[in-house]
Amino acid sequence: MTLHDLSQIYYIRRELTDCDARLSALRARRDAGAASPAIGGSPGSGLPSSPTERLAAEITDLEAIISAKRIELIHQEAMLTRYISSIDDSLTRLVLTYRFIDCRTWRDVALLVGGGNSEDSVKKMCYRFLERNA
């Protein structure tokens, strides 16, 4: 498992946050009765012909994207949890869980792990583990 693989949960969550914000804005426009500017859509073109229809289509598309990202997040979390569970050292498991599943800062990881660990020490522990097991 690479650092890139481990970091995917963080980035998927960020994508979901951004998509949720865009969806809220679209729903607010819809609820306010506002529509997006006309972008074409002549009869028979296959595109929604009114601004209201286009807005509804955007909302539906974004809801589908969010749903797919949530499923992707569930799969990534399960895969990462299985990987971390297979690690022999419990301290390393804690560090990786706090950092990559809980998406905590290195400072938070050090505080949660305790034992006088600093953010640098838990970070080094993580990166050394990844180098040894690459």
N, C-alpha and C. Protein backbone atom coordinates (compact mmCIF):
# COMPACT_ATOMS: atom_id res chain seq x y z
N MET A 1 0.86 -1.17 0.00
CA MET A 1 0.00 0.00 0.00
C MET A 1 0.90 1.22 0.00
N THR A 2 0.60 2.17 -0.86
CA THR A 2 1.42 3.38 -0.98
C THR A 2 0.78 4.54 -0.22
N LEU A 3 1.55 5.58 -0.04
CA LEU A 3 1.04 6.80 0.58
C LEU A 3 -0.14 7.34 -0.22
N HIS A 4 -0.05 7.25 -1.53
CA HIS A 4 -1.14 7.70 -2.40
C HIS A 4 -2.42 6.91 -2.10
N ASP A 5 -2.30 5.60 -2.00
CA ASP A 5 -3.45 4.75 -1.68
C ASP A 5 -4.05 5.12 -0.33
N LEU A 6 -3.18 5.32 0.65
CA LEU A 6 -3.64 5.65 1.99
C LEU A 6 -4.33 7.01 2.05
N SER A 7 -3.94 7.92 1.21
CA SER A 7 -4.48 9.28 1.23
C SER A 7 -5.81 9.43 0.49
N GLN A 8 -6.24 8.43 -0.21
CA GLN A 8 -7.45 8.55 -1.03
C GLN A 8 -8.70 8.88 -0.21
N ILE A 9 -8.82 8.36 0.99
CA ILE A 9 -10.00 8.66 1.81
C ILE A 9 -10.11 10.15 2.05
N TYR A 10 -9.00 10.78 2.36
CA TYR A 10 -9.00 12.23 2.60
C TYR A 10 -9.51 12.98 1.37
N TYR A 11 -8.99 12.64 0.21
CA TYR A 11 -9.36 13.36 -1.00
C TYR A 11 -10.78 13.06 -1.45
N ILE A 12 -11.24 11.84 -1.25
CA ILE A 12 -12.63 11.53 -1.59
C ILE A 12 -13.56 12.32 -0.68
N ARG A 13 -13.22 12.42 0.60
CA ARG A 13 -14.04 13.21 1.53
C ARG A 13 -14.07 14.68 1.12
N ARG A 14 -12.94 15.20 0.69
CA ARG A 14 -12.91 16.59 0.22
C ARG A 14 -13.79 16.77 -1.01
N GLU A 15 -13.73 15.81 -1.94
CA GLU A 15 -14.59 15.87 -3.12
C GLU A 15 -16.06 15.86 -2.72
N LEU A 16 -16.39 14.99 -1.78
CA LEU A 16 -17.78 14.91 -1.32
C LEU A 16 -18.24 16.23 -0.69
N THR A 17 -17.38 16.84 0.09
CA THR A 17 -17.71 18.12 0.71
C THR A 17 -17.98 19.17 -0.37
N ASP A 18 -17.11 19.22 -1.39
CA ASP A 18 -17.29 20.17 -2.48
C ASP A 18 -18.57 19.89 -3.26
N CYS A 19 -18.83 18.62 -3.55
CA CYS A 19 -20.05 18.25 -4.29
C CYS A 19 -21.30 18.58 -3.48
N ASP A 20 -21.26 18.30 -2.18
CA ASP A 20 -22.41 18.62 -1.33
C ASP A 20 -22.69 20.12 -1.31
N ALA A 21 -21.63 20.92 -1.29
CA ALA A 21 -21.81 22.37 -1.31
C ALA A 21 -22.42 22.83 -2.64
N ARG A 22 -21.93 22.25 -3.75
CA ARG A 22 -22.50 22.60 -5.05
C ARG A 22 -23.95 22.17 -5.15
N LEU A 23 -24.27 21.00 -4.61
CA LEU A 23 -25.65 20.51 -4.64
C LEU A 23 -26.55 21.42 -3.81
N SER A 24 -26.09 21.84 -2.66
CA SER A 24 -26.87 22.76 -1.83
C SER A 24 -27.14 24.07 -2.58
N ALA A 25 -26.13 24.58 -3.27
CA ALA A 25 -26.30 25.82 -4.03
C ALA A 25 -27.30 25.63 -5.17
N LEU A 26 -27.22 24.50 -5.86
CA LEU A 26 -28.18 24.23 -6.95
C LEU A 26 -29.59 24.09 -6.41
N ARG A 27 -29.74 23.40 -5.30
CA ARG A 27 -31.08 23.25 -4.71
C ARG A 27 -31.62 24.59 -4.24
N ALA A 28 -30.75 25.44 -3.71
CA ALA A 28 -31.19 26.77 -3.28
C ALA A 28 -31.67 27.59 -4.48
N ARG A 29 -30.94 27.49 -5.60
CA ARG A 29 -31.39 28.18 -6.82
C ARG A 29 -32.73 27.65 -7.27
N ARG A 30 -32.88 26.31 -7.25
CA ARG A 30 -34.14 25.70 -7.66
C ARG A 30 -35.27 26.15 -6.75
N ASP A 31 -35.03 26.13 -5.44
CA ASP A 31 -36.07 26.49 -4.48
C ASP A 31 -36.43 27.97 -4.53
N ALA A 32 -35.47 28.79 -4.96
CA ALA A 32 -35.72 30.22 -5.09
C ALA A 32 -36.40 30.54 -6.42
N GLY A 33 -36.52 29.53 -7.27
CA GLY A 33 -37.15 29.75 -8.57
C GLY A 33 -36.22 30.28 -9.62
N ALA A 34 -34.94 30.39 -9.29
CA ALA A 34 -33.96 30.87 -10.26
C ALA A 34 -33.52 29.70 -11.12
N ALA A 35 -33.11 29.99 -12.31
CA ALA A 35 -32.63 28.95 -13.22
C ALA A 35 -31.32 29.39 -13.81
N SER A 36 -30.59 28.43 -14.31
CA SER A 36 -29.31 28.73 -14.93
C SER A 36 -29.54 29.44 -16.25
N PRO A 37 -28.58 30.21 -16.72
CA PRO A 37 -28.74 30.90 -17.99
C PRO A 37 -28.93 29.90 -19.14
N ALA A 38 -29.61 30.33 -20.15
CA ALA A 38 -29.87 29.46 -21.31
C ALA A 38 -28.57 29.08 -21.98
N ILE A 39 -28.44 27.79 -22.33
CA ILE A 39 -27.23 27.33 -23.02
C ILE A 39 -27.60 26.50 -24.23
N GLY A 40 -28.71 26.74 -24.78
CA GLY A 40 -29.11 25.97 -25.95
C GLY A 40 -30.17 24.97 -25.59
N GLY A 41 -30.26 23.93 -26.33
CA GLY A 41 -31.23 22.91 -26.05
C GLY A 41 -32.47 23.07 -26.91
N SER A 42 -32.27 23.09 -28.19
CA SER A 42 -33.41 23.21 -29.08
C SER A 42 -34.18 21.90 -29.09
N PRO A 43 -35.46 21.96 -29.44
CA PRO A 43 -36.25 20.73 -29.47
C PRO A 43 -35.58 19.67 -30.33
N GLY A 44 -35.55 18.45 -29.81
CA GLY A 44 -34.96 17.34 -30.55
C GLY A 44 -33.46 17.22 -30.38
N SER A 45 -32.84 18.15 -29.62
CA SER A 45 -31.39 18.09 -29.45
C SER A 45 -30.98 17.12 -28.35
N GLY A 46 -31.93 16.67 -27.55
CA GLY A 46 -31.62 15.77 -26.45
C GLY A 46 -31.24 16.51 -25.19
N LEU A 47 -31.08 17.82 -25.26
CA LEU A 47 -30.77 18.62 -24.08
C LEU A 47 -32.06 19.18 -23.50
N PRO A 48 -32.11 19.38 -22.17
CA PRO A 48 -33.29 20.02 -21.60
C PRO A 48 -33.50 21.38 -22.24
N SER A 49 -34.76 21.70 -22.53
CA SER A 49 -35.02 22.92 -23.30
C SER A 49 -35.25 24.14 -22.44
N SER A 50 -35.62 23.99 -21.19
CA SER A 50 -35.85 25.16 -20.36
C SER A 50 -34.79 25.25 -19.27
N PRO A 51 -34.56 26.45 -18.77
CA PRO A 51 -33.59 26.60 -17.68
C PRO A 51 -33.96 25.75 -16.46
N THR A 52 -35.23 25.62 -16.18
CA THR A 52 -35.67 24.81 -15.04
C THR A 52 -35.32 23.34 -15.26
N GLU A 53 -35.52 22.84 -16.47
CA GLU A 53 -35.17 21.46 -16.78
C GLU A 53 -33.66 21.24 -16.69
N ARG A 54 -32.89 22.20 -17.15
CA ARG A 54 -31.43 22.09 -17.07
C ARG A 54 -30.97 22.05 -15.61
N LEU A 55 -31.58 22.89 -14.78
CA LEU A 55 -31.23 22.91 -13.37
C LEU A 55 -31.58 21.57 -12.72
N ALA A 56 -32.74 21.03 -13.04
CA ALA A 56 -33.14 19.72 -12.51
C ALA A 56 -32.16 18.63 -12.98
N ALA A 57 -31.73 18.71 -14.23
CA ALA A 57 -30.78 17.73 -14.75
C ALA A 57 -29.43 17.84 -14.05
N GLU A 58 -28.98 19.07 -13.79
CA GLU A 58 -27.72 19.27 -13.07
C GLU A 58 -27.80 18.67 -11.67
N ILE A 59 -28.94 18.89 -10.99
CA ILE A 59 -29.13 18.36 -9.65
C ILE A 59 -29.10 16.83 -9.67
N THR A 60 -29.81 16.26 -10.62
CA THR A 60 -29.86 14.79 -10.73
C THR A 60 -28.48 14.22 -11.01
N ASP A 61 -27.74 14.84 -11.92
CA ASP A 61 -26.38 14.37 -12.24
C ASP A 61 -25.47 14.45 -11.02
N LEU A 62 -25.54 15.57 -10.31
CA LEU A 62 -24.68 15.75 -9.14
C LEU A 62 -25.05 14.77 -8.02
N GLU A 63 -26.33 14.49 -7.86
CA GLU A 63 -26.75 13.50 -6.86
C GLU A 63 -26.18 12.12 -7.20
N ALA A 64 -26.16 11.77 -8.48
CA ALA A 64 -25.60 10.49 -8.90
C ALA A 64 -24.09 10.44 -8.65
N ILE A 65 -23.40 11.55 -8.92
CA ILE A 65 -21.96 11.63 -8.68
C ILE A 65 -21.68 11.46 -7.19
N ILE A 66 -22.45 12.14 -6.34
CA ILE A 66 -22.26 12.06 -4.89
C ILE A 66 -22.49 10.63 -4.41
N SER A 67 -23.52 10.01 -4.93
CA SER A 67 -23.81 8.62 -4.55
C SER A 67 -22.64 7.70 -4.91
N ALA A 68 -22.10 7.87 -6.10
CA ALA A 68 -20.97 7.05 -6.54
C ALA A 68 -19.74 7.31 -5.68
N LYS A 69 -19.50 8.56 -5.31
CA LYS A 69 -18.34 8.88 -4.47
C LYS A 69 -18.50 8.30 -3.07
N ARG A 70 -19.73 8.29 -2.55
CA ARG A 70 -19.96 7.69 -1.23
C ARG A 70 -19.68 6.19 -1.26
N ILE A 71 -20.07 5.53 -2.32
CA ILE A 71 -19.77 4.10 -2.47
C ILE A 71 -18.26 3.89 -2.57
N GLU A 72 -17.59 4.74 -3.34
CA GLU A 72 -16.13 4.65 -3.47
C GLU A 72 -15.47 4.83 -2.10
N LEU A 73 -15.98 5.78 -1.31
CA LEU A 73 -15.43 6.02 0.02
C LEU A 73 -15.59 4.80 0.92
N ILE A 74 -16.75 4.18 0.86
CA ILE A 74 -16.99 2.97 1.67
C ILE A 74 -16.00 1.88 1.28
N HIS A 75 -15.78 1.69 -0.01
CA HIS A 75 -14.84 0.67 -0.48
C HIS A 75 -13.41 1.00 -0.05
N GLN A 76 -13.01 2.26 -0.19
CA GLN A 76 -11.66 2.65 0.22
C GLN A 76 -11.45 2.46 1.71
N GLU A 77 -12.46 2.85 2.52
CA GLU A 77 -12.34 2.69 3.96
C GLU A 77 -12.22 1.21 4.33
N ALA A 78 -13.00 0.36 3.70
CA ALA A 78 -12.95 -1.08 3.99
C ALA A 78 -11.59 -1.66 3.61
N MET A 79 -11.09 -1.28 2.43
CA MET A 79 -9.80 -1.78 1.97
C MET A 79 -8.68 -1.32 2.92
N LEU A 80 -8.72 -0.07 3.31
CA LEU A 80 -7.69 0.46 4.20
C LEU A 80 -7.78 -0.15 5.59
N THR A 81 -8.98 -0.35 6.07
CA THR A 81 -9.17 -0.98 7.39
C THR A 81 -8.62 -2.40 7.39
N ARG A 82 -8.88 -3.14 6.32
CA ARG A 82 -8.34 -4.50 6.23
C ARG A 82 -6.80 -4.47 6.21
N TYR A 83 -6.25 -3.54 5.45
CA TYR A 83 -4.79 -3.43 5.36
C TYR A 83 -4.20 -3.10 6.74
N ILE A 84 -4.75 -2.10 7.40
CA ILE A 84 -4.22 -1.68 8.70
C ILE A 84 -4.37 -2.80 9.73
N SER A 85 -5.47 -3.51 9.67
CA SER A 85 -5.70 -4.62 10.61
C SER A 85 -4.66 -5.72 10.46
N SER A 86 -4.06 -5.82 9.30
CA SER A 86 -3.08 -6.87 9.06
C SER A 86 -1.68 -6.51 9.57
N ILE A 87 -1.48 -5.31 10.04
CA ILE A 87 -0.17 -4.87 10.54
C ILE A 87 0.06 -5.45 11.93
N ASP A 88 1.25 -5.98 12.16
CA ASP A 88 1.57 -6.64 13.43
C ASP A 88 1.67 -5.67 14.60
N ASP A 89 2.26 -4.51 14.39
CA ASP A 89 2.53 -3.58 15.48
C ASP A 89 1.31 -2.71 15.78
N SER A 90 0.85 -2.75 17.03
CA SER A 90 -0.37 -2.02 17.40
C SER A 90 -0.18 -0.50 17.34
N LEU A 91 1.00 -0.01 17.69
CA LEU A 91 1.24 1.43 17.63
C LEU A 91 1.17 1.92 16.18
N THR A 92 1.76 1.19 15.29
CA THR A 92 1.70 1.55 13.87
C THR A 92 0.25 1.51 13.39
N ARG A 93 -0.51 0.51 13.82
CA ARG A 93 -1.93 0.45 13.45
C ARG A 93 -2.67 1.70 13.92
N LEU A 94 -2.39 2.10 15.16
CA LEU A 94 -3.04 3.32 15.69
C LEU A 94 -2.67 4.55 14.86
N VAL A 95 -1.39 4.69 14.60
CA VAL A 95 -0.92 5.86 13.85
C VAL A 95 -1.59 5.91 12.47
N LEU A 96 -1.59 4.80 11.76
CA LEU A 96 -2.18 4.77 10.43
C LEU A 96 -3.69 4.99 10.47
N THR A 97 -4.34 4.43 11.48
CA THR A 97 -5.79 4.63 11.62
C THR A 97 -6.13 6.09 11.86
N TYR A 98 -5.46 6.70 12.83
CA TYR A 98 -5.75 8.10 13.14
C TYR A 98 -5.44 9.01 11.95
N ARG A 99 -4.35 8.73 11.28
CA ARG A 99 -3.93 9.60 10.17
C ARG A 99 -4.78 9.40 8.92
N PHE A 100 -4.96 8.16 8.49
CA PHE A 100 -5.53 7.92 7.17
C PHE A 100 -7.01 7.55 7.17
N ILE A 101 -7.50 6.95 8.22
CA ILE A 101 -8.94 6.67 8.27
C ILE A 101 -9.69 7.82 8.92
N ASP A 102 -9.15 8.32 10.04
CA ASP A 102 -9.79 9.44 10.72
C ASP A 102 -9.40 10.79 10.14
N CYS A 103 -8.39 10.80 9.26
CA CYS A 103 -7.92 12.03 8.58
C CYS A 103 -7.48 13.11 9.58
N ARG A 104 -6.76 12.71 10.58
CA ARG A 104 -6.28 13.65 11.59
C ARG A 104 -4.93 14.23 11.19
N THR A 105 -4.60 15.36 11.80
CA THR A 105 -3.29 15.96 11.57
C THR A 105 -2.24 15.15 12.32
N TRP A 106 -0.98 15.34 11.94
CA TRP A 106 0.09 14.62 12.63
C TRP A 106 0.13 15.02 14.10
N ARG A 107 -0.15 16.26 14.39
CA ARG A 107 -0.18 16.72 15.78
C ARG A 107 -1.24 15.98 16.58
N ASP A 108 -2.44 15.87 16.00
CA ASP A 108 -3.52 15.13 16.66
C ASP A 108 -3.15 13.65 16.84
N VAL A 109 -2.53 13.08 15.82
CA VAL A 109 -2.12 11.67 15.92
C VAL A 109 -1.17 11.50 17.11
N ALA A 110 -0.20 12.39 17.23
CA ALA A 110 0.77 12.29 18.34
C ALA A 110 0.07 12.42 19.69
N LEU A 111 -0.86 13.34 19.79
CA LEU A 111 -1.58 13.52 21.05
C LEU A 111 -2.44 12.30 21.39
N LEU A 112 -3.10 11.74 20.39
CA LEU A 112 -3.96 10.59 20.62
C LEU A 112 -3.16 9.33 20.97
N VAL A 113 -2.01 9.17 20.32
CA VAL A 113 -1.16 8.01 20.59
C VAL A 113 -0.53 8.13 21.97
N GLY A 114 -0.17 9.35 22.34
CA GLY A 114 0.42 9.58 23.65
C GLY A 114 1.83 9.02 23.75
N GLY A 115 2.24 8.72 24.96
CA GLY A 115 3.55 8.11 25.18
C GLY A 115 4.71 9.03 24.88
N GLY A 116 4.48 10.32 24.90
CA GLY A 116 5.56 11.26 24.63
C GLY A 116 5.93 11.38 23.16
N ASN A 117 5.11 10.84 22.30
CA ASN A 117 5.38 10.94 20.87
C ASN A 117 5.10 12.35 20.36
N SER A 118 5.96 12.80 19.46
CA SER A 118 5.77 14.10 18.83
C SER A 118 5.16 13.89 17.44
N GLU A 119 4.75 15.00 16.83
CA GLU A 119 4.21 14.84 15.47
C GLU A 119 5.29 14.32 14.53
N ASP A 120 6.54 14.75 14.71
CA ASP A 120 7.63 14.24 13.87
C ASP A 120 7.86 12.75 14.08
N SER A 121 7.77 12.30 15.32
CA SER A 121 8.04 10.88 15.58
C SER A 121 6.97 9.97 14.98
N VAL A 122 5.70 10.37 15.08
CA VAL A 122 4.66 9.52 14.49
C VAL A 122 4.70 9.57 12.96
N LYS A 123 5.06 10.73 12.44
CA LYS A 123 5.18 10.86 10.98
C LYS A 123 6.32 9.96 10.48
N LYS A 124 7.47 10.02 11.15
CA LYS A 124 8.60 9.18 10.75
C LYS A 124 8.26 7.69 10.88
N MET A 125 7.54 7.35 11.96
CA MET A 125 7.14 5.96 12.15
C MET A 125 6.29 5.49 10.97
N CYS A 126 5.38 6.31 10.54
CA CYS A 126 4.51 5.98 9.42
C CYS A 126 5.31 5.82 8.13
N TYR A 127 6.12 6.81 7.82
CA TYR A 127 6.86 6.78 6.56
C TYR A 127 7.90 5.65 6.53
N ARG A 128 8.52 5.38 7.67
CA ARG A 128 9.48 4.25 7.72
C ARG A 128 8.75 2.93 7.50
N PHE A 129 7.58 2.79 8.11
CA PHE A 129 6.79 1.57 7.91
C PHE A 129 6.45 1.41 6.42
N LEU A 130 6.01 2.50 5.80
CA LEU A 130 5.64 2.42 4.37
C LEU A 130 6.84 2.09 3.50
N GLU A 131 8.02 2.65 3.83
CA GLU A 131 9.23 2.33 3.04
C GLU A 131 9.62 0.86 3.19
N ARG A 132 9.52 0.34 4.41
CA ARG A 132 9.89 -1.06 4.66
C ARG A 132 8.91 -2.03 4.00
N ASN A 133 7.67 -1.61 3.84
CA ASN A 133 6.64 -2.52 3.34
C ASN A 133 6.15 -2.16 1.95
N ALA A 134 6.95 -1.40 1.23
CA ALA A 134 6.55 -1.00 -0.13
C ALA A 134 6.70 -2.14 -1.12
